[in-house]
Amino acid sequence: MLRHGVSEYAPLFTIMEVIDTKSLDEMQSPRVFVSDLPFRYLPKQLKERGKIIYVVRNPKDIAVSYYCHLRNMTVGDYEGEWNQFFPLFMEGNRIIGDWKNWFTVAQNEQFDAVYKAKMAHSSLKISFTK
């Protein structure tokens, strides 16, 4: 949509983590990539010369989405329940929806507390609303 200047979905993008440099050199400009890499791991040249649109998902949605993704995998299925998965996720263990249908009130409060603590020194402005 960015490349063509229209609001019609066009699934023409490349996943940065899987492209080789030869293919990259052969791509026509402007090039559009998607990546799950943290900003600090992006190539230096991209940060110096490229344009970056940084999209952040609600972290609660990430937790539920990750859980659902693991439950639906055909290889290495995660068979645990949400209440078993949640503490693992909160501890930073990496074993995916609408978080409101999964989090209990206590889990929501625990998540917010840990997230606020981890983001306390960030320059990002984060709003926690109920």
Protein backbone atom coordinates (compact mmCIF):
# COMPACT_ATOMS: atom_id res chain seq x y z
CA MET A 1 0.00 0.00 0.00
CA LEU A 2 2.90 2.35 0.76
CA ARG A 3 4.68 1.53 -2.48
CA HIS A 4 1.62 2.00 -4.67
CA GLY A 5 0.01 4.92 -2.86
CA VAL A 6 -3.42 3.25 -2.66
CA SER A 7 -5.46 1.84 0.19
CA GLU A 8 -5.85 -1.58 -1.40
CA TYR A 9 -4.08 -4.51 0.25
CA ALA A 10 -1.12 -5.71 -1.77
CA PRO A 11 0.89 -8.46 -0.04
CA LEU A 12 4.18 -7.47 -1.65
CA PHE A 13 6.78 -7.41 1.07
CA THR A 14 9.92 -9.25 2.00
CA ILE A 15 10.79 -10.62 5.41
CA MET A 16 14.13 -9.06 6.26
CA GLU A 17 15.45 -12.01 8.24
CA VAL A 18 15.21 -14.43 5.29
CA ILE A 19 16.59 -12.43 2.36
CA ASP A 20 20.15 -12.82 1.16
CA THR A 21 22.27 -9.83 0.13
CA LYS A 22 22.36 -10.85 -3.55
CA SER A 23 18.56 -10.85 -3.73
CA LEU A 24 18.51 -7.57 -1.83
CA ASP A 25 20.81 -5.95 -4.39
CA GLU A 26 18.55 -7.16 -7.21
CA MET A 27 15.34 -5.76 -5.69
CA GLN A 28 13.81 -2.68 -7.28
CA SER A 29 13.63 0.46 -5.13
CA PRO A 30 11.82 1.41 -3.06
CA ARG A 31 12.09 -1.82 -1.06
CA VAL A 32 9.64 -2.68 1.70
CA PHE A 33 10.50 -5.15 4.45
CA VAL A 34 8.81 -6.49 7.51
CA SER A 35 10.81 -7.66 10.50
CA ASP A 36 10.34 -8.88 14.03
CA LEU A 37 13.85 -7.76 14.92
CA PRO A 38 14.26 -5.30 17.79
CA PHE A 39 15.38 -1.87 16.53
CA ARG A 40 18.88 -2.35 17.97
CA TYR A 41 19.42 -5.37 15.67
CA LEU A 42 18.40 -3.67 12.43
CA PRO A 43 21.23 -3.13 9.94
CA LYS A 44 23.15 0.09 10.58
CA GLN A 45 22.74 1.19 6.94
CA LEU A 46 18.95 0.91 7.23
CA LYS A 47 18.89 3.11 10.32
CA GLU A 48 21.15 5.68 8.63
CA ARG A 49 19.52 5.85 5.19
CA GLY A 50 16.18 4.05 5.33
CA LYS A 51 12.73 5.10 6.43
CA ILE A 52 11.29 3.04 9.25
CA ILE A 53 7.68 2.68 10.32
CA TYR A 54 7.67 1.14 13.77
CA VAL A 55 4.43 -0.61 14.70
CA VAL A 56 3.92 -1.85 18.24
CA ARG A 57 1.22 -4.31 19.21
CA ASN A 58 -0.53 -4.35 22.55
CA PRO A 59 1.72 -6.62 24.66
CA LYS A 60 -1.30 -8.46 26.06
CA ASP A 61 -2.35 -9.30 22.53
CA ILE A 62 1.17 -10.57 21.87
CA ALA A 63 0.98 -12.95 24.84
CA VAL A 64 -2.37 -14.41 23.78
CA SER A 65 -1.42 -14.52 20.12
CA TYR A 66 1.82 -16.33 20.97
CA TYR A 67 -0.07 -18.86 23.10
CA CYS A 68 -2.63 -19.53 20.34
CA HIS A 69 0.13 -19.80 17.75
CA LEU A 70 1.94 -22.40 19.84
CA ARG A 71 -1.27 -24.36 20.38
CA ASN A 72 -1.91 -24.50 16.62
CA MET A 73 1.59 -25.49 15.48
CA THR A 74 1.84 -28.83 13.70
CA VAL A 75 5.40 -29.51 14.90
CA GLY A 76 6.37 -29.21 18.55
CA ASP A 77 2.84 -28.42 19.71
CA TYR A 78 2.48 -26.72 23.06
CA GLU A 79 -0.25 -28.64 24.87
CA GLY A 80 -0.42 -26.68 28.10
CA GLU A 81 -3.35 -24.52 29.16
CA TRP A 82 -3.33 -20.72 29.33
CA ASN A 83 -2.90 -20.75 33.13
CA GLN A 84 0.27 -22.83 32.69
CA PHE A 85 1.56 -20.70 29.81
CA PHE A 86 1.01 -17.29 31.43
CA PRO A 87 3.67 -17.63 34.19
CA LEU A 88 6.20 -18.91 31.64
CA PHE A 89 5.53 -15.91 29.40
CA MET A 90 5.79 -13.48 32.31
CA GLU A 91 9.17 -14.96 33.27
CA GLY A 92 10.43 -14.31 29.75
CA ASN A 93 10.35 -17.94 28.64
CA ARG A 94 9.54 -18.34 24.96
CA ILE A 95 8.01 -21.80 24.46
CA ILE A 96 -0.46 -15.42 20.38
CA GLY A 97 -6.26 -12.73 19.80
CA ASP A 98 -8.09 -10.67 22.16
CA TRP A 99 -6.30 -10.57 25.51
CA LYS A 100 -9.46 -9.58 27.39
CA ASN A 101 -10.86 -13.07 26.89
CA TRP A 102 -7.76 -14.75 28.32
CA PHE A 103 -6.33 -12.64 31.15
CA THR A 104 -7.89 -12.86 34.58
CA VAL A 105 -8.04 -9.65 36.61
CA ALA A 106 -5.03 -10.83 38.64
CA GLN A 107 -3.06 -11.75 35.50
CA ASN A 108 -3.90 -8.37 33.97
CA GLU A 109 -2.62 -6.58 37.07
CA GLN A 110 0.52 -8.75 37.20
CA PHE A 111 1.23 -8.11 33.52
CA ASP A 112 0.78 -4.35 33.89
CA ALA A 113 3.08 -4.24 36.93
CA VAL A 114 5.88 -6.19 35.24
CA TYR A 115 5.48 -4.25 31.98
CA LYS A 116 5.58 -0.88 33.77
CA ALA A 117 8.72 -1.92 35.64
CA LYS A 118 10.47 -3.12 32.48
CA MET A 119 9.53 0.05 30.59
CA ALA A 120 10.27 2.47 33.47
CA HIS A 121 13.49 3.80 31.94
CA SER A 122 12.25 3.83 28.35
CA SER A 123 11.91 7.10 26.49
CA LEU A 124 8.65 5.79 25.01
CA LYS A 125 5.43 7.26 26.32
CA ILE A 126 3.16 4.41 27.38
CA SER A 127 -0.41 4.83 28.54
CA PHE A 128 -2.01 2.21 30.78
CA THR A 129 -5.77 2.52 30.57
CA LYS A 130 -8.44 0.26 31.94
